[in-house]
Amino acid sequence: MMKRVKSTMLLSLAAVLTLGTAACSSGNSGGSQAGAKDAAGNTGSEAKKEVTLDYVWFTDGIEGEVMKAITADYQKENPHVKINLIEVPFKDLGTKLKTMISGGKPPALTRITDTGLFANQALDLTPYVGSADSFTSQYIDSIKPYYVVDNKIIAAPMDVTANGIIYNKTLFDKAGVKVPTSKDNIWTWDEFNASLKQVMEKGGAKSGLVWDFTPHRWSTMLYQFGGSMISADGKKAAINSPEGVQALEYFVKLHKDGIIPPSVWLGSENPNNLFRSGTVAVHWAGNWMLSNYKDIDTFEWGVTYMPKQKIRSSVPGGKYVMAFKGSGVEKETAEFIKYLSSKEVNARFNKESLFISPRKDNAKLEYAFGKEMFEVFADELANTTPLAANDWSRQDIVPKFSTDLRSHIVEAISGKATAQDALDKTAKLIDKAIGEQGK
């Protein structure tokens, strides 16, 4: 009897072991074992799919290295995500993106300035970051038209820019010329012009002023003279107004008087290199040049307030990150953009890159370099006419005439056209572009 009981118990135990082995075998055939963890610590069905995000990127100064460090940290926190940074020169950015999109392989995201160029191909971030109102409330108001189109968020702001002036302190001191130290004693344009002449005559500057070869930078003068490119209601051109013509005439005069060297606007000389040579009194540029000039040790330089005519004004701009439809990794890209645009990461990017943050809660950053200079640029933005943002946010219109505007300014400088004729031609192009909207 005892033998029969033992035999029965052994058979039952064998059956249990067989079923257990079969169950384990079945669990392995479909994927991870129950309880097994991936590199991120997720278990079973929680494990995230490995993805690669192609990130098209251009660099002005040191921010490329900052972004590489940020993406490395993100990948450590999210090991299922690989960020593939595709670096291109800024001048090739548009062509690169168009080629990738037309080829059916858009990148996951890109760094971009002219958001309107790809507004139709951009991924609407609203489902991922919340309503347009809640998202935009985090950022300074003047840049909203750049990244919100038809109440859709087509990009996230990364940094904000302002046009301003950087001066050679060594040359100014040698000439005995004092620069404005507060917004209460800002030069008029005639006073600024006279100061530049004195720095050339007594300080030994070969040129008084170099000016970036872009209509964006030139338009700062346009606003200071009381003009704008487009009417406030957006319905017609305004660039050829009396104020606009006066601004261009003054710009032409600066060239004729030898204050601005013709080698930049009528040639191909780089204004950055000219300023670095130590022979130029002032560079009319943007705040991003602070990081670019940080390594200059052959002379002292600084930032002071731009002159005014009818009003003070700069031009708000900035850079954004934009995701694209059809990348196949839209959700993961949106999560990465949320990370980049968070208060902490955005503060790190701007502080280490020496940029100005667009976030209201990052208005004051403890920069390791140039804190006072950044404050001057920020003050220029705070005293900027709304007409500047009204113009440059219209990215469905501006790209259609901006290159021609630059060419028309060159014609006026070279004497091939009067300021009035040059801007009349531009106005026709603007009116045409406005008329073509929605067609």
Protein backbone atom coordinates (compact mmCIF):
# COMPACT_ATOMS: atom_id res chain seq x y z
CA MET A 1 0.00 0.00 0.00
CA MET A 2 2.83 2.37 0.91
CA LYS A 3 4.58 1.67 -2.39
CA ARG A 4 1.40 2.53 -4.32
CA VAL A 5 1.05 5.88 -2.48
CA LYS A 6 4.69 6.78 -3.06
CA SER A 7 4.35 5.92 -6.74
CA THR A 8 1.28 8.11 -7.08
CA MET A 9 3.05 11.05 -5.34
CA LEU A 10 6.06 10.78 -7.63
CA LEU A 11 3.85 10.78 -10.73
CA SER A 12 2.02 13.89 -9.48
CA LEU A 13 5.29 15.71 -8.77
CA ALA A 14 6.60 14.87 -12.22
CA ALA A 15 3.44 16.25 -13.79
CA VAL A 16 3.77 19.51 -11.86
CA LEU A 17 7.41 19.90 -12.90
CA THR A 18 6.51 19.21 -16.53
CA LEU A 19 3.75 21.84 -16.51
CA GLY A 20 6.06 24.37 -14.87
CA THR A 21 8.77 23.78 -17.48
CA ALA A 22 6.24 24.14 -20.29
CA ALA A 23 4.95 27.38 -18.81
CA CYS A 24 8.47 28.84 -18.62
CA SER A 25 9.17 27.78 -22.18
CA SER A 26 5.96 29.42 -23.37
CA GLY A 27 6.86 32.69 -21.56
CA ASN A 28 10.24 33.00 -23.33
CA SER A 29 8.93 32.42 -26.84
CA GLY A 30 6.99 35.67 -26.95
CA GLY A 31 9.68 38.06 -25.65
CA SER A 32 10.98 39.13 -22.24
CA GLN A 33 10.52 36.95 -19.18
CA ALA A 34 8.06 38.25 -16.64
CA GLY A 35 10.00 40.43 -14.23
CA ALA A 36 12.92 41.03 -16.64
CA LYS A 37 13.94 44.70 -16.93
CA ASP A 38 15.31 46.73 -19.83
CA ALA A 39 18.17 49.25 -19.48
CA ALA A 40 15.75 51.93 -18.26
CA GLY A 41 14.36 49.70 -15.53
CA ASN A 42 11.05 49.05 -17.28
CA THR A 43 9.57 45.58 -16.99
CA GLY A 44 7.94 43.41 -19.66
CA SER A 45 5.43 45.38 -21.72
CA GLU A 46 6.72 48.63 -20.16
CA ALA A 47 10.02 48.39 -22.09
CA LYS A 48 10.17 51.21 -24.63
CA LYS A 49 10.93 50.79 -28.32
CA GLU A 50 14.39 51.94 -29.34
CA VAL A 51 14.25 54.96 -31.67
CA THR A 52 16.65 57.34 -33.39
CA LEU A 53 15.78 61.02 -33.69
CA ASP A 54 17.53 62.81 -36.56
CA TYR A 55 18.13 66.36 -35.31
CA VAL A 56 19.22 68.83 -38.01
CA TRP A 57 21.33 71.51 -36.36
CA PHE A 58 23.36 74.62 -37.19
CA THR A 59 25.70 76.52 -34.88
CA ASP A 60 26.45 80.25 -34.53
CA GLY A 61 28.94 80.04 -31.69
CA ILE A 62 29.50 77.73 -28.74
CA GLU A 63 25.92 76.48 -28.41
CA GLY A 64 26.63 73.38 -30.50
CA GLU A 65 28.78 71.93 -27.74
CA VAL A 66 26.15 72.87 -25.16
CA MET A 67 23.46 71.05 -27.13
CA LYS A 68 25.65 67.96 -27.50
CA ALA A 69 26.01 67.79 -23.72
CA ILE A 70 22.26 68.23 -23.25
CA THR A 71 21.42 65.48 -25.73
CA ALA A 72 23.95 63.18 -24.05
CA ASP A 73 22.19 63.72 -20.70
CA TYR A 74 18.80 63.06 -22.29
CA GLN A 75 20.03 59.79 -23.78
CA LYS A 76 21.32 58.67 -20.37
CA GLU A 77 17.89 59.32 -18.87
CA ASN A 78 16.16 57.74 -21.89
CA PRO A 79 18.39 54.91 -23.15
CA HIS A 80 15.79 53.84 -25.70
CA VAL A 81 16.36 57.15 -27.56
CA LYS A 82 19.37 57.97 -29.71
CA ILE A 83 19.79 61.59 -30.83
CA ASN A 84 21.54 61.81 -34.19
CA LEU A 85 22.76 65.43 -34.50
CA ILE A 86 23.11 66.31 -38.19
CA GLU A 87 25.19 69.49 -38.37
CA VAL A 88 24.84 71.75 -41.43
CA PRO A 89 25.93 75.33 -42.17
CA PHE A 90 23.11 77.82 -41.62
CA LYS A 91 23.15 78.83 -45.30
CA ASP A 92 22.43 75.21 -46.29
CA LEU A 93 19.70 74.55 -43.71
CA GLY A 94 16.69 75.28 -45.91
CA THR A 95 18.01 73.22 -48.81
CA LYS A 96 18.85 70.30 -46.52
CA LEU A 97 15.38 70.25 -44.99
CA LYS A 98 13.61 70.57 -48.34
CA THR A 99 15.65 67.67 -49.73
CA MET A 100 14.86 65.41 -46.77
CA ILE A 101 11.16 66.29 -46.78
CA SER A 102 10.69 65.94 -50.55
CA GLY A 103 12.52 62.60 -50.39
CA GLY A 104 9.93 61.28 -47.96
CA LYS A 105 12.37 61.11 -45.06
CA PRO A 106 11.87 64.24 -42.94
CA PRO A 107 14.08 64.55 -39.87
CA ALA A 108 12.53 64.17 -36.45
CA LEU A 109 13.30 67.79 -35.64
CA THR A 110 15.43 70.78 -36.56
CA ARG A 111 16.77 74.00 -35.16
CA ILE A 112 15.26 76.81 -37.23
CA THR A 113 14.81 80.57 -37.46
CA ASP A 114 12.35 81.05 -40.35
CA THR A 115 9.57 78.90 -38.95
CA GLY A 116 7.08 80.00 -41.59
CA LEU A 117 9.04 78.27 -44.35
CA PHE A 118 8.01 74.85 -43.06
CA ALA A 119 4.80 75.64 -41.18
CA ASN A 120 2.77 73.23 -43.35
CA GLN A 121 5.20 70.36 -42.78
CA ALA A 122 5.60 70.98 -39.04
CA LEU A 123 4.15 68.64 -36.46
CA ASP A 124 1.45 70.32 -34.37
CA LEU A 125 2.83 70.09 -30.84
CA THR A 126 -0.44 71.08 -29.18
CA PRO A 127 -1.58 67.50 -28.37
CA TYR A 128 1.73 66.92 -26.61
CA VAL A 129 2.41 70.18 -24.74
CA GLY A 130 -1.10 71.42 -23.98
CA SER A 131 -3.15 74.30 -25.36
CA ALA A 132 -1.53 77.11 -27.29
CA ASP A 133 -2.53 79.59 -24.56
CA SER A 134 -0.98 77.62 -21.71
CA PHE A 135 2.22 76.91 -23.65
CA THR A 136 2.74 80.43 -24.99
CA SER A 137 2.10 82.01 -21.58
CA GLN A 138 5.55 80.77 -20.58
CA TYR A 139 7.31 82.95 -23.21
CA ILE A 140 7.77 86.66 -23.95
CA ASP A 141 4.83 87.99 -25.93
CA SER A 142 6.60 89.51 -28.94
CA ILE A 143 7.70 86.17 -30.43
CA LYS A 144 4.35 84.36 -30.36
CA PRO A 145 3.55 84.89 -34.07
CA TYR A 146 6.77 83.07 -34.95
CA TYR A 147 5.69 79.71 -33.55
CA VAL A 148 1.88 79.74 -33.29
CA VAL A 149 -0.03 79.47 -36.58
CA ASP A 150 -3.81 79.02 -36.68
CA ASN A 151 -3.69 78.28 -32.95
CA LYS A 152 -1.30 75.39 -33.60
CA ILE A 153 2.12 75.23 -31.98
CA ILE A 154 4.49 74.58 -34.87
CA ALA A 155 7.73 74.96 -32.88
CA ALA A 156 9.11 75.60 -29.41
CA PRO A 157 11.25 78.70 -28.64
CA MET A 158 14.82 78.02 -27.55
CA ASP A 159 16.43 81.46 -27.42
CA VAL A 160 15.48 85.02 -28.24
CA THR A 161 17.68 87.49 -30.08
CA ALA A 162 18.03 91.25 -30.25
CA ASN A 163 19.97 93.48 -32.59
CA GLY A 164 22.38 95.89 -30.93
CA ILE A 165 25.88 97.35 -31.07
CA ILE A 166 29.21 96.01 -29.87
CA TYR A 167 31.99 98.59 -29.64
CA ASN A 168 35.79 98.59 -29.46
CA LYS A 169 36.39 100.11 -26.03
CA THR A 170 40.13 100.47 -26.66
CA LEU A 171 39.56 102.71 -29.72
CA PHE A 172 36.84 104.76 -28.00
CA ASP A 173 39.06 105.36 -24.96
CA LYS A 174 41.96 106.36 -27.18
CA ALA A 175 39.73 108.90 -28.92
CA GLY A 176 38.30 110.14 -25.62
CA VAL A 177 34.74 109.30 -26.67
CA LYS A 178 32.28 108.26 -23.97
CA VAL A 179 29.48 105.83 -24.78
CA PRO A 180 25.98 106.01 -23.25
CA THR A 181 25.94 104.32 -19.87
CA SER A 182 22.17 104.29 -19.38
CA LYS A 183 18.99 104.52 -21.39
CA ASP A 184 18.60 108.10 -20.19
CA ASN A 185 21.50 109.46 -22.27
CA ILE A 186 21.22 107.55 -25.55
CA TRP A 187 22.72 109.06 -28.71
CA THR A 188 20.60 110.43 -31.53
CA TRP A 189 21.71 109.15 -34.91
CA ASP A 190 23.58 112.38 -35.66
CA GLU A 191 25.36 112.20 -32.30
CA PHE A 192 26.28 108.58 -32.94
CA ASN A 193 27.60 109.47 -36.39
CA ALA A 194 29.72 112.30 -34.94
CA SER A 195 31.12 109.95 -32.29
CA LEU A 196 32.13 107.40 -34.92
CA LYS A 197 33.92 110.09 -36.92
CA GLN A 198 35.84 111.15 -33.81
CA VAL A 199 36.92 107.56 -33.09
CA MET A 200 38.19 107.33 -36.68
CA GLU A 201 40.03 110.65 -36.51
CA LYS A 202 41.46 110.45 -32.97
CA GLY A 203 41.28 106.77 -32.11
CA GLY A 204 42.79 105.40 -35.28
CA ALA A 205 39.81 103.30 -36.39
CA LYS A 206 39.90 102.49 -40.10
CA SER A 207 36.10 102.15 -40.13
CA GLY A 208 33.47 103.57 -37.86
CA LEU A 209 30.81 100.92 -38.28
CA VAL A 210 30.39 97.47 -39.82
CA TRP A 211 26.87 96.18 -40.36
CA ASP A 212 25.76 92.61 -40.96
CA PHE A 213 24.72 92.04 -44.57
CA THR A 214 21.08 91.19 -43.85
CA PRO A 215 17.78 93.06 -44.24
CA HIS A 216 16.91 91.91 -40.71
CA ARG A 217 19.77 93.93 -39.23
CA TRP A 218 19.14 96.91 -41.54
CA SER A 219 15.48 97.00 -40.52
CA THR A 220 16.52 98.08 -37.02
CA MET A 221 17.29 101.51 -38.48
CA LEU A 222 13.97 101.45 -40.35
CA TYR A 223 12.05 101.10 -37.07
CA GLN A 224 14.17 103.70 -35.29
CA PHE A 225 13.25 106.20 -38.01
CA GLY A 226 9.56 105.41 -37.44
CA GLY A 227 9.00 103.12 -40.41
CA SER A 228 8.06 99.48 -40.97
CA MET A 229 8.02 96.99 -43.83
CA ILE A 230 4.30 96.19 -43.67
CA SER A 231 1.35 98.20 -42.37
CA ALA A 232 0.15 97.44 -38.85
CA ASP A 233 -2.98 95.71 -40.19
CA GLY A 234 -0.87 93.57 -42.53
CA LYS A 235 -2.81 94.62 -45.61
CA LYS A 236 -0.21 96.61 -47.57
CA ALA A 237 3.45 97.57 -47.88
CA ALA A 238 4.74 100.43 -45.74
CA ILE A 239 8.45 100.21 -46.42
CA ASN A 240 8.46 103.08 -48.94
CA SER A 241 6.91 105.56 -46.51
CA PRO A 242 8.76 108.86 -45.94
CA GLU A 243 10.23 107.36 -42.75
CA GLY A 244 11.45 104.30 -44.64
CA VAL A 245 13.06 106.41 -47.35
CA GLN A 246 14.78 108.60 -44.75
CA ALA A 247 16.20 105.50 -43.05
CA LEU A 248 17.67 104.16 -46.30
CA GLU A 249 19.02 107.58 -47.28
CA TYR A 250 20.83 107.80 -43.95
CA PHE A 251 22.24 104.29 -44.45
CA VAL A 252 23.50 105.27 -47.90
CA LYS A 253 25.06 108.43 -46.44
CA LEU A 254 27.00 106.38 -43.86
CA HIS A 255 28.59 104.51 -46.78
CA LYS A 256 29.27 107.66 -48.83
CA ASP A 257 30.89 109.37 -45.83
CA GLY A 258 33.20 106.40 -45.29
CA ILE A 259 31.75 105.52 -41.89
CA ILE A 260 30.66 102.08 -43.16
CA PRO A 261 33.22 100.35 -45.42
CA PRO A 262 31.75 99.28 -48.80
CA SER A 263 33.51 95.92 -48.55
CA VAL A 264 30.64 94.32 -46.59
CA TRP A 265 27.45 95.39 -48.39
CA LEU A 266 29.07 95.88 -51.81
CA GLY A 267 31.61 93.09 -51.45
CA SER A 268 31.87 89.88 -49.54
CA GLU A 269 33.95 90.81 -46.51
CA ASN A 270 32.92 89.31 -43.19
CA PRO A 271 32.06 92.03 -40.62
CA ASN A 272 33.00 89.66 -37.78
CA ASN A 273 36.55 89.39 -39.09
CA LEU A 274 36.78 93.15 -39.54
CA PHE A 275 35.75 93.80 -35.95
CA ARG A 276 38.13 91.12 -34.67
CA SER A 277 40.99 92.90 -36.45
CA GLY A 278 40.68 95.73 -33.92
CA THR A 279 40.37 98.40 -36.61
CA VAL A 280 36.59 98.94 -36.43
CA ALA A 281 34.83 101.14 -33.86
CA VAL A 282 31.41 99.42 -33.81
CA HIS A 283 29.81 96.22 -35.06
CA TRP A 284 26.03 96.42 -35.59
CA ALA A 285 25.11 92.82 -34.90
CA GLY A 286 23.11 90.57 -32.58
CA ASN A 287 23.49 89.35 -29.02
CA TRP A 288 24.76 85.95 -30.26
CA MET A 289 28.06 87.64 -31.11
CA LEU A 290 28.86 87.99 -27.41
CA SER A 291 29.84 84.32 -27.25
CA ASN A 292 31.62 84.58 -30.60
CA TYR A 293 33.79 87.48 -29.39
CA LYS A 294 34.42 86.08 -25.93
CA ASP A 295 37.93 84.94 -26.89
CA ILE A 296 39.14 88.37 -28.12
CA ASP A 297 42.16 89.37 -26.05
CA THR A 298 43.91 91.91 -28.29
CA PHE A 299 41.62 94.79 -27.31
CA GLU A 300 38.81 95.61 -24.90
CA TRP A 301 35.24 95.61 -26.16
CA GLY A 302 31.76 96.05 -24.76
CA VAL A 303 28.10 96.72 -25.50
CA THR A 304 26.28 100.04 -25.40
CA TYR A 305 22.84 101.30 -26.38
CA MET A 306 21.86 101.80 -29.99
CA PRO A 307 21.05 105.32 -31.16
CA LYS A 308 17.51 106.50 -31.75
CA GLN A 309 15.84 108.73 -34.30
CA LYS A 310 12.09 109.07 -33.76
CA ILE A 311 12.07 106.13 -31.35
CA ARG A 312 14.27 103.42 -29.86
CA SER A 313 13.90 99.94 -31.32
CA SER A 314 15.58 96.62 -31.89
CA VAL A 315 14.17 93.60 -33.74
CA PRO A 316 13.02 90.49 -31.84
CA GLY A 317 14.08 87.20 -33.32
CA GLY A 318 15.15 83.84 -32.11
CA LYS A 319 15.66 80.19 -32.79
CA TYR A 320 13.23 77.35 -32.36
CA VAL A 321 13.02 73.58 -32.47
CA MET A 322 10.50 72.21 -34.93
CA ALA A 323 9.31 68.62 -35.33
CA PHE A 324 8.04 67.23 -38.64
CA LYS A 325 5.02 65.19 -39.65
CA GLY A 326 5.76 61.80 -41.17
CA SER A 327 9.00 61.11 -39.30
CA GLY A 328 7.53 58.00 -37.65
CA VAL A 329 8.85 59.12 -34.26
CA GLU A 330 6.52 62.01 -33.58
CA LYS A 331 5.67 61.05 -29.99
CA GLU A 332 9.29 60.55 -28.96
CA THR A 333 10.29 63.81 -30.67
CA ALA A 334 7.58 65.76 -28.87
CA GLU A 335 8.80 64.33 -25.55
CA PHE A 336 12.34 65.45 -26.37
CA ILE A 337 11.12 68.95 -27.28
CA LYS A 338 9.23 69.17 -23.97
CA TYR A 339 12.54 68.35 -22.26
CA LEU A 340 14.46 71.00 -24.24
CA SER A 341 11.87 73.70 -23.56
CA SER A 342 11.55 73.03 -19.83
CA LYS A 343 12.62 75.80 -17.46
CA GLU A 344 15.71 74.01 -16.19
CA VAL A 345 17.07 72.75 -19.52
CA ASN A 346 16.28 75.99 -21.33
CA ALA A 347 18.08 77.96 -18.60
CA ARG A 348 21.12 75.72 -18.96
CA PHE A 349 21.16 76.04 -22.75
CA ASN A 350 20.95 79.84 -22.72
CA LYS A 351 23.25 80.45 -19.77
CA GLU A 352 26.02 78.21 -21.12
CA SER A 353 25.54 79.38 -24.73
CA LEU A 354 25.44 83.04 -23.68
CA PHE A 355 22.00 83.57 -25.21
CA ILE A 356 18.86 85.29 -23.94
CA SER A 357 16.09 82.94 -22.81
CA PRO A 358 12.59 83.44 -24.25
CA ARG A 359 11.01 82.04 -21.08
CA LYS A 360 9.58 84.63 -18.69
CA ASP A 361 10.80 82.63 -15.69
CA ASN A 362 14.36 82.66 -17.08
CA ALA A 363 14.50 86.45 -17.53
CA LYS A 364 17.53 86.79 -15.27
CA LEU A 365 20.28 84.22 -15.63
CA GLU A 366 23.60 84.20 -13.84
CA TYR A 367 25.86 84.24 -16.87
CA ALA A 368 29.52 83.39 -16.32
CA PHE A 369 30.35 86.09 -18.86
CA GLY A 370 28.79 89.40 -19.97
CA LYS A 371 25.85 89.67 -17.58
CA GLU A 372 25.73 93.49 -17.94
CA MET A 373 26.00 93.26 -21.73
CA PHE A 374 23.06 90.87 -21.90
CA GLU A 375 21.05 93.33 -19.83
CA VAL A 376 21.64 96.06 -22.44
CA PHE A 377 20.39 93.77 -25.23
CA ALA A 378 17.38 92.82 -23.09
CA ASP A 379 16.62 96.52 -22.56
CA GLU A 380 16.75 97.05 -26.34
CA LEU A 381 14.07 94.36 -26.71
CA ALA A 382 11.98 95.90 -23.96
CA ASN A 383 11.97 99.19 -25.91
CA THR A 384 11.19 97.72 -29.31
CA THR A 385 8.21 98.82 -31.40
CA PRO A 386 5.47 96.19 -31.96
CA LEU A 387 5.81 96.92 -35.67
CA ALA A 388 9.07 94.94 -35.74
CA ALA A 389 7.44 91.72 -34.55
CA ASN A 390 4.43 92.48 -36.74
CA ASP A 391 6.75 92.49 -39.76
CA TRP A 392 9.16 89.66 -39.09
CA SER A 393 6.61 87.21 -37.73
CA ARG A 394 4.91 87.17 -41.14
CA GLN A 395 7.05 84.34 -42.40
CA ASP A 396 4.54 83.47 -45.10
CA ILE A 397 5.34 86.86 -46.67
CA VAL A 398 8.83 88.00 -45.63
CA PRO A 399 10.83 85.25 -47.41
CA LYS A 400 9.18 86.29 -50.67
CA PHE A 401 10.79 89.73 -50.66
CA SER A 402 13.66 89.82 -48.12
CA THR A 403 16.39 88.78 -50.56
CA ASP A 404 15.17 91.37 -53.06
CA LEU A 405 15.08 94.01 -50.33
CA ARG A 406 18.75 93.36 -49.64
CA SER A 407 19.52 93.67 -53.36
CA HIS A 408 17.56 96.92 -53.59
CA ILE A 409 19.48 98.36 -50.62
CA VAL A 410 22.71 97.46 -52.43
CA GLU A 411 21.45 99.29 -55.53
CA ALA A 412 20.84 102.41 -53.45
CA ILE A 413 24.30 102.22 -51.83
CA SER A 414 26.00 101.77 -55.19
CA GLY A 415 24.07 104.68 -56.73
CA LYS A 416 22.12 102.56 -59.20
CA ALA A 417 18.81 103.63 -57.65
CA THR A 418 17.54 106.32 -55.33
CA ALA A 419 16.32 105.29 -51.91
CA GLN A 420 12.76 106.02 -52.99
CA ASP A 421 13.03 103.92 -56.17
CA ALA A 422 14.69 101.06 -54.32
CA LEU A 423 11.96 100.87 -51.69
CA ASP A 424 9.17 101.42 -54.22
CA LYS A 425 10.34 98.25 -55.97
CA THR A 426 10.36 96.39 -52.68
CA ALA A 427 6.88 97.67 -51.83
CA LYS A 428 5.49 96.19 -55.06
CA LEU A 429 6.90 92.79 -54.11
CA ILE A 430 5.42 93.05 -50.63
CA ASP A 431 1.98 93.95 -51.98
CA LYS A 432 2.20 91.04 -54.42
CA ALA A 433 3.12 88.62 -51.64
CA ILE A 434 0.23 89.87 -49.47
CA GLY A 435 -2.16 89.50 -52.41
CA GLU A 436 -1.05 85.92 -53.00
CA GLN A 437 -1.94 84.82 -49.48
CA GLY A 438 -4.41 81.98 -49.43
CA LYS A 439 -4.12 81.30 -53.15
